[in-house]
């Protein structure tokens, strides 16, 4: 017979030796709470630029999937209509070309950043280098 777990929120009951399903470990990165807020302008600017780049990259990936799916559905429903089939092929090709452009843009920017030593994707370091000490 399995051990009985006492009901929660009952005075005088303990759950020693048992696993409580309601106890969660704190999320990493949120341990310090609001006291760890960055006040440095360069770091805030860097975080903003990083967030914008991340959002645009995610948006382009989602747009690729939607555009490709619409093209595939157009292809499936085109039956024997040549103009709809051509439209679907063009739509899917444009989606793939757009995804390749986004991937190449990120790769080229990263490569240029490494070659020149100029941290294009890290504006905080650029701003910190411009500020007087």
C-alpha atoms as a PDB file:
ATOM      1  CA  UNK A   1       0.000   0.000   0.000  1.00  0.00           C
ATOM      2  CA  UNK A   2       1.493   3.383  -1.002  1.00  0.00           C
ATOM      3  CA  UNK A   3       2.100   5.971   1.724  1.00  0.00           C
ATOM      4  CA  UNK A   4      -0.691   8.456   2.266  1.00  0.00           C
ATOM      5  CA  UNK A   5       0.081  12.123   1.637  1.00  0.00           C
ATOM      6  CA  UNK A   6      -1.659  14.383   4.167  1.00  0.00           C
ATOM      7  CA  UNK A   7      -3.863  17.150   2.754  1.00  0.00           C
ATOM      8  CA  UNK A   8      -2.209  20.511   2.178  1.00  0.00           C
ATOM      9  CA  UNK A   9      -2.916  23.564   4.353  1.00  0.00           C
ATOM     10  CA  UNK A  10      -3.888  21.487   7.369  1.00  0.00           C
ATOM     11  CA  UNK A  11      -2.416  22.687  10.684  1.00  0.00           C
ATOM     12  CA  UNK A  12      -0.040  20.188  12.256  1.00  0.00           C
ATOM     13  CA  UNK A  13       0.622  18.193   9.067  1.00  0.00           C
ATOM     14  CA  UNK A  14       4.027  17.784   7.511  1.00  0.00           C
ATOM     15  CA  UNK A  15       5.159  16.391   4.215  1.00  0.00           C
ATOM     16  CA  UNK A  16       8.629  15.280   5.271  1.00  0.00           C
ATOM     17  CA  UNK A  17       9.974  12.497   3.086  1.00  0.00           C
ATOM     18  CA  UNK A  18       7.371  13.088   0.395  1.00  0.00           C
ATOM     19  CA  UNK A  19       7.595  15.090  -2.776  1.00  0.00           C
ATOM     20  CA  UNK A  20       5.245  18.042  -2.830  1.00  0.00           C
ATOM     21  CA  UNK A  21       4.025  18.708  -6.382  1.00  0.00           C
ATOM     22  CA  UNK A  22       3.429  22.402  -5.568  1.00  0.00           C
ATOM     23  CA  UNK A  23       7.031  23.286  -4.636  1.00  0.00           C
ATOM     24  CA  UNK A  24       8.813  24.833  -7.613  1.00  0.00           C
ATOM     25  CA  UNK A  25      12.423  25.844  -7.876  1.00  0.00           C
ATOM     26  CA  UNK A  26      12.964  29.546  -8.604  1.00  0.00           C
ATOM     27  CA  UNK A  27      13.619  30.458 -12.219  1.00  0.00           C
ATOM     28  CA  UNK A  28      17.221  31.172 -12.980  1.00  0.00           C
ATOM     29  CA  UNK A  29      17.974  34.800 -13.736  1.00  0.00           C
ATOM     30  CA  UNK A  30      15.161  36.096 -11.559  1.00  0.00           C
ATOM     31  CA  UNK A  31      16.794  35.390  -8.193  1.00  0.00           C
ATOM     32  CA  UNK A  32      17.802  38.986  -7.463  1.00  0.00           C
ATOM     33  CA  UNK A  33      14.433  40.404  -8.374  1.00  0.00           C
ATOM     34  CA  UNK A  34      14.050  44.117  -8.979  1.00  0.00           C
ATOM     35  CA  UNK A  35      17.257  45.064  -7.146  1.00  0.00           C
ATOM     36  CA  UNK A  36      19.374  43.932 -10.111  1.00  0.00           C
ATOM     37  CA  UNK A  37      17.954  46.479 -12.562  1.00  0.00           C
ATOM     38  CA  UNK A  38      20.568  47.879 -14.960  1.00  0.00           C
ATOM     39  CA  UNK A  39      20.883  51.621 -14.730  1.00  0.00           C
ATOM     40  CA  UNK A  40      23.745  52.080 -17.184  1.00  0.00           C
ATOM     41  CA  UNK A  41      22.500  53.821 -20.315  1.00  0.00           C
ATOM     42  CA  UNK A  42      24.827  51.838 -22.580  1.00  0.00           C
ATOM     43  CA  UNK A  43      23.559  48.533 -21.214  1.00  0.00           C
ATOM     44  CA  UNK A  44      19.951  49.627 -21.593  1.00  0.00           C
ATOM     45  CA  UNK A  45      20.609  50.726 -25.170  1.00  0.00           C
ATOM     46  CA  UNK A  46      22.417  47.459 -25.895  1.00  0.00           C
ATOM     47  CA  UNK A  47      19.524  45.451 -24.469  1.00  0.00           C
ATOM     48  CA  UNK A  48      17.056  47.446 -26.571  1.00  0.00           C
ATOM     49  CA  UNK A  49      19.012  46.879 -29.791  1.00  0.00           C
ATOM     50  CA  UNK A  50      19.427  43.192 -28.948  1.00  0.00           C
ATOM     51  CA  UNK A  51      15.688  42.848 -28.294  1.00  0.00           C
ATOM     52  CA  UNK A  52      14.829  44.596 -31.568  1.00  0.00           C
ATOM     53  CA  UNK A  53      17.155  42.303 -33.540  1.00  0.00           C
ATOM     54  CA  UNK A  54      15.703  39.242 -31.791  1.00  0.00           C
ATOM     55  CA  UNK A  55      12.113  40.312 -32.449  1.00  0.00           C
ATOM     56  CA  UNK A  56      12.836  41.033 -36.124  1.00  0.00           C
ATOM     57  CA  UNK A  57      14.570  37.669 -36.541  1.00  0.00           C
ATOM     58  CA  UNK A  58      11.670  35.816 -34.933  1.00  0.00           C
ATOM     59  CA  UNK A  59       9.179  37.812 -37.019  1.00  0.00           C
ATOM     60  CA  UNK A  60      11.040  36.943 -40.221  1.00  0.00           C
ATOM     61  CA  UNK A  61      11.046  33.242 -39.301  1.00  0.00           C
ATOM     62  CA  UNK A  62       7.317  33.279 -38.604  1.00  0.00           C
ATOM     63  CA  UNK A  63       6.669  35.234 -41.814  1.00  0.00           C
ATOM     64  CA  UNK A  64       8.695  32.629 -43.728  1.00  0.00           C
ATOM     65  CA  UNK A  65       6.605  29.782 -42.312  1.00  0.00           C
ATOM     66  CA  UNK A  66       3.309  31.538 -43.031  1.00  0.00           C
ATOM     67  CA  UNK A  67       4.342  32.533 -46.577  1.00  0.00           C
ATOM     68  CA  UNK A  68       5.600  29.024 -47.314  1.00  0.00           C
ATOM     69  CA  UNK A  69       2.421  27.459 -45.900  1.00  0.00           C
ATOM     70  CA  UNK A  70       0.207  29.765 -47.972  1.00  0.00           C
ATOM     71  CA  UNK A  71       2.222  28.875 -51.069  1.00  0.00           C
ATOM     72  CA  UNK A  72       1.922  25.168 -50.313  1.00  0.00           C
ATOM     73  CA  UNK A  73      -1.832  25.429 -49.789  1.00  0.00           C
ATOM     74  CA  UNK A  74      -2.177  27.392 -53.029  1.00  0.00           C
ATOM     75  CA  UNK A  75      -0.196  24.660 -54.803  1.00  0.00           C
ATOM     76  CA  UNK A  76      -2.422  21.936 -53.343  1.00  0.00           C
ATOM     77  CA  UNK A  77      -5.644  23.714 -54.284  1.00  0.00           C
ATOM     78  CA  UNK A  78      -4.467  24.832 -57.733  1.00  0.00           C
ATOM     79  CA  UNK A  79      -5.703  21.601 -59.391  1.00  0.00           C
ATOM     80  CA  UNK A  80      -5.112  22.061 -63.145  1.00  0.00           C
ATOM     81  CA  UNK A  81      -4.900  25.858 -63.223  1.00  0.00           C
ATOM     82  CA  UNK A  82      -1.430  26.741 -64.455  1.00  0.00           C
ATOM     83  CA  UNK A  83      -1.555  30.363 -63.308  1.00  0.00           C
ATOM     84  CA  UNK A  84      -2.338  29.376 -59.684  1.00  0.00           C
ATOM     85  CA  UNK A  85       0.405  26.742 -59.754  1.00  0.00           C
ATOM     86  CA  UNK A  86       2.905  29.327 -60.983  1.00  0.00           C
ATOM     87  CA  UNK A  87       1.745  31.760 -58.278  1.00  0.00           C
ATOM     88  CA  UNK A  88       2.270  29.094 -55.614  1.00  0.00           C
ATOM     89  CA  UNK A  89       5.772  28.285 -56.891  1.00  0.00           C
ATOM     90  CA  UNK A  90       6.698  31.971 -56.891  1.00  0.00           C
ATOM     91  CA  UNK A  91       5.307  32.438 -53.391  1.00  0.00           C
ATOM     92  CA  UNK A  92       7.294  29.508 -52.002  1.00  0.00           C
ATOM     93  CA  UNK A  93      10.447  30.667 -53.808  1.00  0.00           C
ATOM     94  CA  UNK A  94      10.061  34.167 -52.375  1.00  0.00           C
ATOM     95  CA  UNK A  95       9.664  32.732 -48.868  1.00  0.00           C
ATOM     96  CA  UNK A  96      12.863  30.701 -49.183  1.00  0.00           C
ATOM     97  CA  UNK A  97      14.781  33.651 -50.687  1.00  0.00           C
ATOM     98  CA  UNK A  98      13.609  35.878 -47.819  1.00  0.00           C
ATOM     99  CA  UNK A  99      14.775  33.372 -45.221  1.00  0.00           C
ATOM    100  CA  UNK A 100      18.157  33.043 -46.924  1.00  0.00           C
ATOM    101  CA  UNK A 101      18.522  36.854 -46.970  1.00  0.00           C
ATOM    102  CA  UNK A 102      17.818  37.082 -43.230  1.00  0.00           C
ATOM    103  CA  UNK A 103      20.278  34.291 -42.407  1.00  0.00           C
ATOM    104  CA  UNK A 104      22.954  35.843 -44.641  1.00  0.00           C
ATOM    105  CA  UNK A 105      22.401  39.304 -43.138  1.00  0.00           C
ATOM    106  CA  UNK A 106      22.993  38.012 -39.613  1.00  0.00           C
ATOM    107  CA  UNK A 107      25.996  35.929 -40.721  1.00  0.00           C
ATOM    108  CA  UNK A 108      27.599  38.784 -42.690  1.00  0.00           C
ATOM    109  CA  UNK A 109      27.065  41.244 -39.848  1.00  0.00           C
ATOM    110  CA  UNK A 110      28.659  38.836 -37.401  1.00  0.00           C
ATOM    111  CA  UNK A 111      31.557  38.149 -39.781  1.00  0.00           C
ATOM    112  CA  UNK A 112      32.180  41.866 -40.374  1.00  0.00           C
ATOM    113  CA  UNK A 113      32.079  42.410 -36.632  1.00  0.00           C
ATOM    114  CA  UNK A 114      34.787  39.792 -36.093  1.00  0.00           C
ATOM    115  CA  UNK A 115      36.956  40.950 -39.014  1.00  0.00           C
ATOM    116  CA  UNK A 116      36.898  44.649 -38.145  1.00  0.00           C
ATOM    117  CA  UNK A 117      36.894  44.206 -34.374  1.00  0.00           C
ATOM    118  CA  UNK A 118      34.004  46.669 -34.310  1.00  0.00           C
ATOM    119  CA  UNK A 119      31.185  45.114 -32.261  1.00  0.00           C
ATOM    120  CA  UNK A 120      28.272  45.970 -34.540  1.00  0.00           C
ATOM    121  CA  UNK A 121      25.817  43.802 -32.638  1.00  0.00           C
ATOM    122  CA  UNK A 122      27.025  45.050 -29.221  1.00  0.00           C
ATOM    123  CA  UNK A 123      26.358  48.798 -29.128  1.00  0.00           C
ATOM    124  CA  UNK A 124      27.117  48.984 -25.388  1.00  0.00           C
ATOM    125  CA  UNK A 125      30.819  48.446 -26.026  1.00  0.00           C
ATOM    126  CA  UNK A 126      30.783  51.128 -28.731  1.00  0.00           C
ATOM    127  CA  UNK A 127      29.113  53.640 -26.418  1.00  0.00           C
ATOM    128  CA  UNK A 128      31.423  52.762 -23.521  1.00  0.00           C
ATOM    129  CA  UNK A 129      34.450  53.371 -25.762  1.00  0.00           C
ATOM    130  CA  UNK A 130      33.100  56.799 -26.722  1.00  0.00           C
ATOM    131  CA  UNK A 131      32.477  57.939 -23.148  1.00  0.00           C
ATOM    132  CA  UNK A 132      35.289  59.749 -21.326  1.00  0.00           C
ATOM    133  CA  UNK A 133      36.753  57.954 -18.330  1.00  0.00           C
END
